Amino acid sequence: MKKAKKPATLAQRINVLRASVMGANDGILSVAGIVVGVAGAATSSYAIFISGIAGMIAGTVSMAMGEYVSVNTQKDAQRKAIETQTVALDEDYEGEYGFVRDKYLASGIQPDLAEQATKEMMADDPVKTTVRERFGFNVGEYTNPFSAAIASMISFPTGSILPLVSISLLPKSWRIIGTFLAVVVALSITGYVAAVLGNANRRNGTARNVIAGILTMLVTYGIGRLFA
């Protein structure tokens, strides 16, 4: 009988969503920098569009491969941690038991309750318990590298469409400022969502993202003007 596929946990879904948001953010920022830089050096709409398309394709492949390698590296580190804890439990079970109990005590749990919780969890699955308490992740809850790569592969070109369309379709007299404004709005959204997913300060996260985008566009536009 075929085993039913285990549904993704909330943490796994959030990690894939994170890859999507960051992919879109990088798509917006990278292609905006390219097209604004080229626009600073050239007036040809065709040259600007082609450079943007090239940046989109290159960035899509780079982001997908980078995400795949990054997630696999993380999984390798997690597997190593599991192996380490398996050996540690074989060699010094009492020491690992004491580590878990002492961690609960340090968090403010009453001694008798800490002892009971440690005893029950270590009896149920000592490897899962010690890995969670020592390394901060749950055994078996790994982000799928293919899912993360596909999420980035889709979100990067999706994000890059905005600056590409803005600078290609707006009138020449408006295309630079219009692209700047469109990118600022888009980066505000992705920065806010990234801060929510990372449980960070929303205002600071959004501001950092927008400021980084503005600086990127100013620098690339300035370099483009030097070669105009």
C-alpha atoms as a PDB file:
ATOM      1  CA  MET A   1       0.000   0.000   0.000  1.00  0.00           C
ATOM      2  CA  LYS A   2       1.383   3.397  -0.976  1.00  0.00           C
ATOM      3  CA  LYS A   3       2.270   5.586   1.967  1.00  0.00           C
ATOM      4  CA  ALA A   4       0.376   8.883   2.133  1.00  0.00           C
ATOM      5  CA  LYS A   5       2.512  11.956   1.665  1.00  0.00           C
ATOM      6  CA  LYS A   6       2.962  13.913   4.873  1.00  0.00           C
ATOM      7  CA  PRO A   7       1.549  17.447   4.556  1.00  0.00           C
ATOM      8  CA  ALA A   8       3.991  20.342   4.846  1.00  0.00           C
ATOM      9  CA  THR A   9       4.238  21.955   8.261  1.00  0.00           C
ATOM     10  CA  LEU A  10       3.656  25.655   8.880  1.00  0.00           C
ATOM     11  CA  ALA A  11       7.421  26.219   9.206  1.00  0.00           C
ATOM     12  CA  GLN A  12       8.056  24.513   5.861  1.00  0.00           C
ATOM     13  CA  ARG A  13       5.344  26.547   4.131  1.00  0.00           C
ATOM     14  CA  ILE A  14       6.718  29.774   5.615  1.00  0.00           C
ATOM     15  CA  ASN A  15      10.221  28.931   4.364  1.00  0.00           C
ATOM     16  CA  VAL A  16       8.910  28.425   0.835  1.00  0.00           C
ATOM     17  CA  LEU A  17       6.914  31.649   1.127  1.00  0.00           C
ATOM     18  CA  ARG A  18      10.076  33.390   2.330  1.00  0.00           C
ATOM     19  CA  ALA A  19      11.901  32.169  -0.775  1.00  0.00           C
ATOM     20  CA  SER A  20       9.059  33.549  -2.908  1.00  0.00           C
ATOM     21  CA  VAL A  21       9.076  36.965  -1.236  1.00  0.00           C
ATOM     22  CA  MET A  22      12.852  37.301  -1.361  1.00  0.00           C
ATOM     23  CA  GLY A  23      12.891  36.125  -4.971  1.00  0.00           C
ATOM     24  CA  ALA A  24      10.341  38.772  -5.931  1.00  0.00           C
ATOM     25  CA  ASN A  25      12.261  41.394  -3.968  1.00  0.00           C
ATOM     26  CA  ASP A  26      15.528  40.505  -5.707  1.00  0.00           C
ATOM     27  CA  GLY A  27      13.759  40.498  -9.069  1.00  0.00           C
ATOM     28  CA  ILE A  28      12.441  44.011  -8.497  1.00  0.00           C
ATOM     29  CA  LEU A  29      15.747  45.338  -7.209  1.00  0.00           C
ATOM     30  CA  SER A  30      18.112  43.615  -9.643  1.00  0.00           C
ATOM     31  CA  VAL A  31      16.220  44.393 -12.835  1.00  0.00           C
ATOM     32  CA  ALA A  32      15.398  47.918 -11.673  1.00  0.00           C
ATOM     33  CA  GLY A  33      19.104  48.537 -11.152  1.00  0.00           C
ATOM     34  CA  ILE A  34      19.917  47.174 -14.602  1.00  0.00           C
ATOM     35  CA  VAL A  35      17.279  49.058 -16.590  1.00  0.00           C
ATOM     36  CA  VAL A  36      17.748  52.331 -14.736  1.00  0.00           C
ATOM     37  CA  GLY A  37      21.510  52.072 -15.225  1.00  0.00           C
ATOM     38  CA  VAL A  38      21.129  51.399 -18.932  1.00  0.00           C
ATOM     39  CA  ALA A  39      18.557  54.201 -19.205  1.00  0.00           C
ATOM     40  CA  GLY A  40      21.140  56.551 -17.732  1.00  0.00           C
ATOM     41  CA  ALA A  41      23.544  55.669 -20.542  1.00  0.00           C
ATOM     42  CA  ALA A  42      21.198  55.126 -23.493  1.00  0.00           C
ATOM     43  CA  THR A  43      17.911  56.422 -24.817  1.00  0.00           C
ATOM     44  CA  SER A  44      17.020  53.385 -26.908  1.00  0.00           C
ATOM     45  CA  SER A  45      13.942  51.677 -25.485  1.00  0.00           C
ATOM     46  CA  TYR A  46      14.967  48.479 -27.246  1.00  0.00           C
ATOM     47  CA  ALA A  47      18.410  48.448 -25.581  1.00  0.00           C
ATOM     48  CA  ILE A  48      16.834  49.044 -22.173  1.00  0.00           C
ATOM     49  CA  PHE A  49      14.263  46.298 -22.709  1.00  0.00           C
ATOM     50  CA  ILE A  50      16.824  43.737 -23.906  1.00  0.00           C
ATOM     51  CA  SER A  51      19.128  44.458 -20.970  1.00  0.00           C
ATOM     52  CA  GLY A  52      16.197  43.999 -18.607  1.00  0.00           C
ATOM     53  CA  ILE A  53      15.203  40.686 -20.204  1.00  0.00           C
ATOM     54  CA  ALA A  54      18.800  39.455 -20.004  1.00  0.00           C
ATOM     55  CA  GLY A  55      18.956  40.425 -16.339  1.00  0.00           C
ATOM     56  CA  MET A  56      15.639  38.705 -15.685  1.00  0.00           C
ATOM     57  CA  ILE A  57      16.757  35.419 -17.242  1.00  0.00           C
ATOM     58  CA  ALA A  58      20.177  35.450 -15.563  1.00  0.00           C
ATOM     59  CA  GLY A  59      18.691  36.371 -12.202  1.00  0.00           C
ATOM     60  CA  THR A  60      16.002  33.703 -12.419  1.00  0.00           C
ATOM     61  CA  VAL A  61      18.545  30.936 -12.985  1.00  0.00           C
ATOM     62  CA  SER A  62      20.906  32.329 -10.344  1.00  0.00           C
ATOM     63  CA  MET A  63      18.206  32.665  -7.689  1.00  0.00           C
ATOM     64  CA  ALA A  64      16.779  29.196  -8.318  1.00  0.00           C
ATOM     65  CA  MET A  65      20.188  27.498  -8.193  1.00  0.00           C
ATOM     66  CA  GLY A  66      21.262  29.550  -5.185  1.00  0.00           C
ATOM     67  CA  GLU A  67      18.128  28.663  -3.246  1.00  0.00           C
ATOM     68  CA  TYR A  68      18.503  24.981  -4.128  1.00  0.00           C
ATOM     69  CA  VAL A  69      22.133  24.887  -2.948  1.00  0.00           C
ATOM     70  CA  SER A  70      21.368  26.925   0.198  1.00  0.00           C
ATOM     71  CA  VAL A  71      18.496  24.706   1.330  1.00  0.00           C
ATOM     72  CA  ASN A  72      20.473  21.529   0.640  1.00  0.00           C
ATOM     73  CA  THR A  73      23.384  22.895   2.679  1.00  0.00           C
ATOM     74  CA  GLN A  74      21.007  23.595   5.550  1.00  0.00           C
ATOM     75  CA  LYS A  75      19.598  20.071   5.328  1.00  0.00           C
ATOM     76  CA  ASP A  76      23.100  18.599   5.393  1.00  0.00           C
ATOM     77  CA  ALA A  77      23.882  20.579   8.561  1.00  0.00           C
ATOM     78  CA  GLN A  78      20.651  19.385  10.175  1.00  0.00           C
ATOM     79  CA  ARG A  79      21.374  15.754   9.314  1.00  0.00           C
ATOM     80  CA  LYS A  80      24.841  16.122  10.811  1.00  0.00           C
ATOM     81  CA  ALA A  81      23.289  17.490  13.993  1.00  0.00           C
ATOM     82  CA  ILE A  82      21.008  14.440  14.196  1.00  0.00           C
ATOM     83  CA  GLU A  83      23.967  12.109  13.759  1.00  0.00           C
ATOM     84  CA  THR A  84      25.867  13.986  16.469  1.00  0.00           C
ATOM     85  CA  GLN A  85      22.984  13.702  18.917  1.00  0.00           C
ATOM     86  CA  THR A  86      22.464  10.013  18.162  1.00  0.00           C
ATOM     87  CA  VAL A  87      26.086   9.324  19.092  1.00  0.00           C
ATOM     88  CA  ALA A  88      25.880  11.617  22.142  1.00  0.00           C
ATOM     89  CA  LEU A  89      22.829   9.757  23.437  1.00  0.00           C
ATOM     90  CA  ASP A  90      24.582   6.417  23.025  1.00  0.00           C
ATOM     91  CA  GLU A  91      27.664   7.628  24.854  1.00  0.00           C
ATOM     92  CA  ASP A  92      26.158   9.873  27.556  1.00  0.00           C
ATOM     93  CA  TYR A  93      22.391   9.558  27.852  1.00  0.00           C
ATOM     94  CA  GLU A  94      22.342  11.012  31.368  1.00  0.00           C
ATOM     95  CA  GLY A  95      24.303  14.052  30.271  1.00  0.00           C
ATOM     96  CA  GLU A  96      21.850  14.761  27.437  1.00  0.00           C
ATOM     97  CA  TYR A  97      18.938  14.158  29.798  1.00  0.00           C
ATOM     98  CA  GLY A  98      20.434  16.655  32.248  1.00  0.00           C
ATOM     99  CA  PHE A  99      20.964  19.218  29.496  1.00  0.00           C
ATOM    100  CA  VAL A 100      17.297  19.145  28.530  1.00  0.00           C
ATOM    101  CA  ARG A 101      16.113  19.277  32.145  1.00  0.00           C
ATOM    102  CA  ASP A 102      18.469  22.138  33.015  1.00  0.00           C
ATOM    103  CA  LYS A 103      17.320  24.099  29.974  1.00  0.00           C
ATOM    104  CA  TYR A 104      13.718  23.803  31.122  1.00  0.00           C
ATOM    105  CA  LEU A 105      14.712  24.842  34.631  1.00  0.00           C
ATOM    106  CA  ALA A 106      16.575  27.869  33.265  1.00  0.00           C
ATOM    107  CA  SER A 107      13.446  28.922  31.378  1.00  0.00           C
ATOM    108  CA  GLY A 108      11.554  29.185  34.692  1.00  0.00           C
ATOM    109  CA  ILE A 109       9.692  25.875  34.777  1.00  0.00           C
ATOM    110  CA  GLN A 110       9.210  24.394  38.256  1.00  0.00           C
ATOM    111  CA  PRO A 111      11.710  21.604  39.086  1.00  0.00           C
ATOM    112  CA  ASP A 112       9.125  18.821  39.410  1.00  0.00           C
ATOM    113  CA  LEU A 113       7.401  19.832  36.187  1.00  0.00           C
ATOM    114  CA  ALA A 114      10.727  20.166  34.358  1.00  0.00           C
ATOM    115  CA  GLU A 115      11.723  16.688  35.519  1.00  0.00           C
ATOM    116  CA  GLN A 116       8.396  15.196  34.444  1.00  0.00           C
ATOM    117  CA  ALA A 117       8.445  16.896  31.025  1.00  0.00           C
ATOM    118  CA  THR A 118      12.035  15.819  30.384  1.00  0.00           C
ATOM    119  CA  LYS A 119      11.326  12.237  31.424  1.00  0.00           C
ATOM    120  CA  GLU A 120       8.261  11.933  29.179  1.00  0.00           C
ATOM    121  CA  MET A 121       9.841  13.539  26.108  1.00  0.00           C
ATOM    122  CA  MET A 122      13.119  11.652  26.409  1.00  0.00           C
ATOM    123  CA  ALA A 123      11.201   8.389  26.784  1.00  0.00           C
ATOM    124  CA  ASP A 124       9.118   9.195  23.695  1.00  0.00           C
ATOM    125  CA  ASP A 125      11.945  10.271  21.346  1.00  0.00           C
ATOM    126  CA  PRO A 126      15.305  11.311  22.835  1.00  0.00           C
ATOM    127  CA  VAL A 127      16.841  12.232  19.473  1.00  0.00           C
ATOM    128  CA  LYS A 128      14.023  14.608  18.508  1.00  0.00           C
ATOM    129  CA  THR A 129      14.003  16.119  21.983  1.00  0.00           C
ATOM    130  CA  THR A 130      17.738  16.788  22.245  1.00  0.00           C
ATOM    131  CA  VAL A 131      18.061  17.996  18.650  1.00  0.00           C
ATOM    132  CA  ARG A 132      15.220  20.456  19.194  1.00  0.00           C
ATOM    133  CA  GLU A 133      16.671  21.762  22.448  1.00  0.00           C
ATOM    134  CA  ARG A 134      20.316  21.899  21.313  1.00  0.00           C
ATOM    135  CA  PHE A 135      19.954  23.012  17.704  1.00  0.00           C
ATOM    136  CA  GLY A 136      16.521  24.629  17.534  1.00  0.00           C
ATOM    137  CA  PHE A 137      14.853  22.643  14.734  1.00  0.00           C
ATOM    138  CA  ASN A 138      12.397  19.771  14.557  1.00  0.00           C
ATOM    139  CA  VAL A 139      13.614  16.487  13.124  1.00  0.00           C
ATOM    140  CA  GLY A 140      11.862  15.704   9.835  1.00  0.00           C
ATOM    141  CA  GLU A 141      10.722  19.270   9.170  1.00  0.00           C
ATOM    142  CA  TYR A 142      13.021  20.129   6.276  1.00  0.00           C
ATOM    143  CA  THR A 143      12.370  22.678   3.568  1.00  0.00           C
ATOM    144  CA  ASN A 144      12.137  20.968   0.197  1.00  0.00           C
ATOM    145  CA  PRO A 145      14.995  22.369  -1.933  1.00  0.00           C
ATOM    146  CA  PHE A 146      13.007  21.846  -5.125  1.00  0.00           C
ATOM    147  CA  SER A 147      10.036  23.772  -3.719  1.00  0.00           C
ATOM    148  CA  ALA A 148      12.278  26.645  -2.629  1.00  0.00           C
ATOM    149  CA  ALA A 149      14.060  26.704  -6.013  1.00  0.00           C
ATOM    150  CA  ILE A 150      10.787  26.678  -7.952  1.00  0.00           C
ATOM    151  CA  ALA A 151       9.355  29.408  -5.710  1.00  0.00           C
ATOM    152  CA  SER A 152      12.378  31.612  -6.463  1.00  0.00           C
ATOM    153  CA  MET A 153      12.309  30.699 -10.152  1.00  0.00           C
ATOM    154  CA  ILE A 154       8.709  31.914 -10.403  1.00  0.00           C
ATOM    155  CA  SER A 155       8.876  34.922  -8.084  1.00  0.00           C
ATOM    156  CA  PHE A 156      12.078  36.504  -9.454  1.00  0.00           C
ATOM    157  CA  PRO A 157      10.762  37.133 -12.983  1.00  0.00           C
ATOM    158  CA  THR A 158       7.368  38.065 -11.531  1.00  0.00           C
ATOM    159  CA  GLY A 159       9.000  40.807  -9.456  1.00  0.00           C
ATOM    160  CA  SER A 160      11.207  41.944 -12.324  1.00  0.00           C
ATOM    161  CA  ILE A 161       8.204  42.532 -14.595  1.00  0.00           C
ATOM    162  CA  LEU A 162       7.306  45.758 -12.750  1.00  0.00           C
ATOM    163  CA  PRO A 163      10.482  47.788 -13.423  1.00  0.00           C
ATOM    164  CA  LEU A 164      10.792  46.280 -16.886  1.00  0.00           C
ATOM    165  CA  VAL A 165       7.264  47.253 -17.901  1.00  0.00           C
ATOM    166  CA  SER A 166       7.488  50.664 -16.215  1.00  0.00           C
ATOM    167  CA  ILE A 167      10.645  51.762 -17.983  1.00  0.00           C
ATOM    168  CA  SER A 168       9.592  50.249 -21.318  1.00  0.00           C
ATOM    169  CA  LEU A 169       6.061  51.650 -21.536  1.00  0.00           C
ATOM    170  CA  LEU A 170       6.232  55.016 -19.802  1.00  0.00           C
ATOM    171  CA  PRO A 171       6.989  58.120 -21.921  1.00  0.00           C
ATOM    172  CA  LYS A 172      10.711  58.948 -22.106  1.00  0.00           C
ATOM    173  CA  SER A 173      10.272  62.058 -19.988  1.00  0.00           C
ATOM    174  CA  TRP A 174       8.630  60.005 -17.218  1.00  0.00           C
ATOM    175  CA  ARG A 175      10.240  56.587 -17.423  1.00  0.00           C
ATOM    176  CA  ILE A 176      13.044  57.151 -14.893  1.00  0.00           C
ATOM    177  CA  ILE A 177      10.982  58.830 -12.186  1.00  0.00           C
ATOM    178  CA  GLY A 178       8.024  56.548 -12.901  1.00  0.00           C
ATOM    179  CA  THR A 179      10.175  53.453 -12.518  1.00  0.00           C
ATOM    180  CA  PHE A 180      11.666  54.852  -9.301  1.00  0.00           C
ATOM    181  CA  LEU A 181       8.213  55.370  -7.819  1.00  0.00           C
ATOM    182  CA  ALA A 182       6.895  51.987  -8.944  1.00  0.00           C
ATOM    183  CA  VAL A 183       9.919  50.211  -7.483  1.00  0.00           C
ATOM    184  CA  VAL A 184       9.643  52.089  -4.170  1.00  0.00           C
ATOM    185  CA  VAL A 185       6.016  50.976  -3.798  1.00  0.00           C
ATOM    186  CA  ALA A 186       6.863  47.374  -4.709  1.00  0.00           C
ATOM    187  CA  LEU A 187       9.852  47.260  -2.335  1.00  0.00           C
ATOM    188  CA  SER A 188       7.689  48.659   0.451  1.00  0.00           C
ATOM    189  CA  ILE A 189       5.332  45.711   0.029  1.00  0.00           C
ATOM    190  CA  THR A 190       8.012  43.011  -0.177  1.00  0.00           C
ATOM    191  CA  GLY A 191       9.976  44.576   2.684  1.00  0.00           C
ATOM    192  CA  TYR A 192       6.909  44.594   4.904  1.00  0.00           C
ATOM    193  CA  VAL A 193       5.987  40.994   4.066  1.00  0.00           C
ATOM    194  CA  ALA A 194       9.579  39.838   4.647  1.00  0.00           C
ATOM    195  CA  ALA A 195       9.573  41.547   8.048  1.00  0.00           C
ATOM    196  CA  VAL A 196       6.299  39.835   8.963  1.00  0.00           C
ATOM    197  CA  LEU A 197       7.647  36.422   7.954  1.00  0.00           C
ATOM    198  CA  GLY A 198      10.872  37.032   9.866  1.00  0.00           C
ATOM    199  CA  ASN A 199       9.008  38.441  12.879  1.00  0.00           C
ATOM    200  CA  ALA A 200      11.112  41.600  12.606  1.00  0.00           C
ATOM    201  CA  ASN A 201      10.256  45.262  13.094  1.00  0.00           C
ATOM    202  CA  ARG A 202       7.916  46.108  10.212  1.00  0.00           C
ATOM    203  CA  ARG A 203       8.867  49.759   9.890  1.00  0.00           C
ATOM    204  CA  ASN A 204      12.616  49.177  10.018  1.00  0.00           C
ATOM    205  CA  GLY A 205      12.437  46.202   7.655  1.00  0.00           C
ATOM    206  CA  THR A 206      10.389  48.136   5.118  1.00  0.00           C
ATOM    207  CA  ALA A 207      12.586  51.234   5.394  1.00  0.00           C
ATOM    208  CA  ARG A 208      15.794  49.226   4.904  1.00  0.00           C
ATOM    209  CA  ASN A 209      14.398  47.551   1.829  1.00  0.00           C
ATOM    210  CA  VAL A 210      13.239  50.806   0.255  1.00  0.00           C
ATOM    211  CA  ILE A 211      16.477  52.657   1.063  1.00  0.00           C
ATOM    212  CA  ALA A 212      18.561  49.820  -0.402  1.00  0.00           C
ATOM    213  CA  GLY A 213      16.474  49.940  -3.575  1.00  0.00           C
ATOM    214  CA  ILE A 214      16.747  53.712  -3.929  1.00  0.00           C
ATOM    215  CA  LEU A 215      20.518  53.624  -3.406  1.00  0.00           C
ATOM    216  CA  THR A 216      20.874  50.817  -5.947  1.00  0.00           C
ATOM    217  CA  MET A 217      18.948  52.740  -8.580  1.00  0.00           C
ATOM    218  CA  LEU A 218      20.764  56.011  -7.861  1.00  0.00           C
ATOM    219  CA  VAL A 219      24.182  54.364  -8.104  1.00  0.00           C
ATOM    220  CA  THR A 220      23.417  52.456 -11.301  1.00  0.00           C
ATOM    221  CA  TYR A 221      21.773  55.498 -12.901  1.00  0.00           C
ATOM    222  CA  GLY A 222      24.767  57.644 -11.951  1.00  0.00           C
ATOM    223  CA  ILE A 223      27.189  55.107 -13.454  1.00  0.00           C
ATOM    224  CA  GLY A 224      25.070  54.985 -16.596  1.00  0.00           C
ATOM    225  CA  ARG A 225      25.159  58.769 -16.906  1.00  0.00           C
ATOM    226  CA  LEU A 226      28.951  58.699 -16.713  1.00  0.00           C
ATOM    227  CA  PHE A 227      29.047  56.641 -19.909  1.00  0.00           C
ATOM    228  CA  ALA A 228      26.228  58.480 -21.672  1.00  0.00           C
END
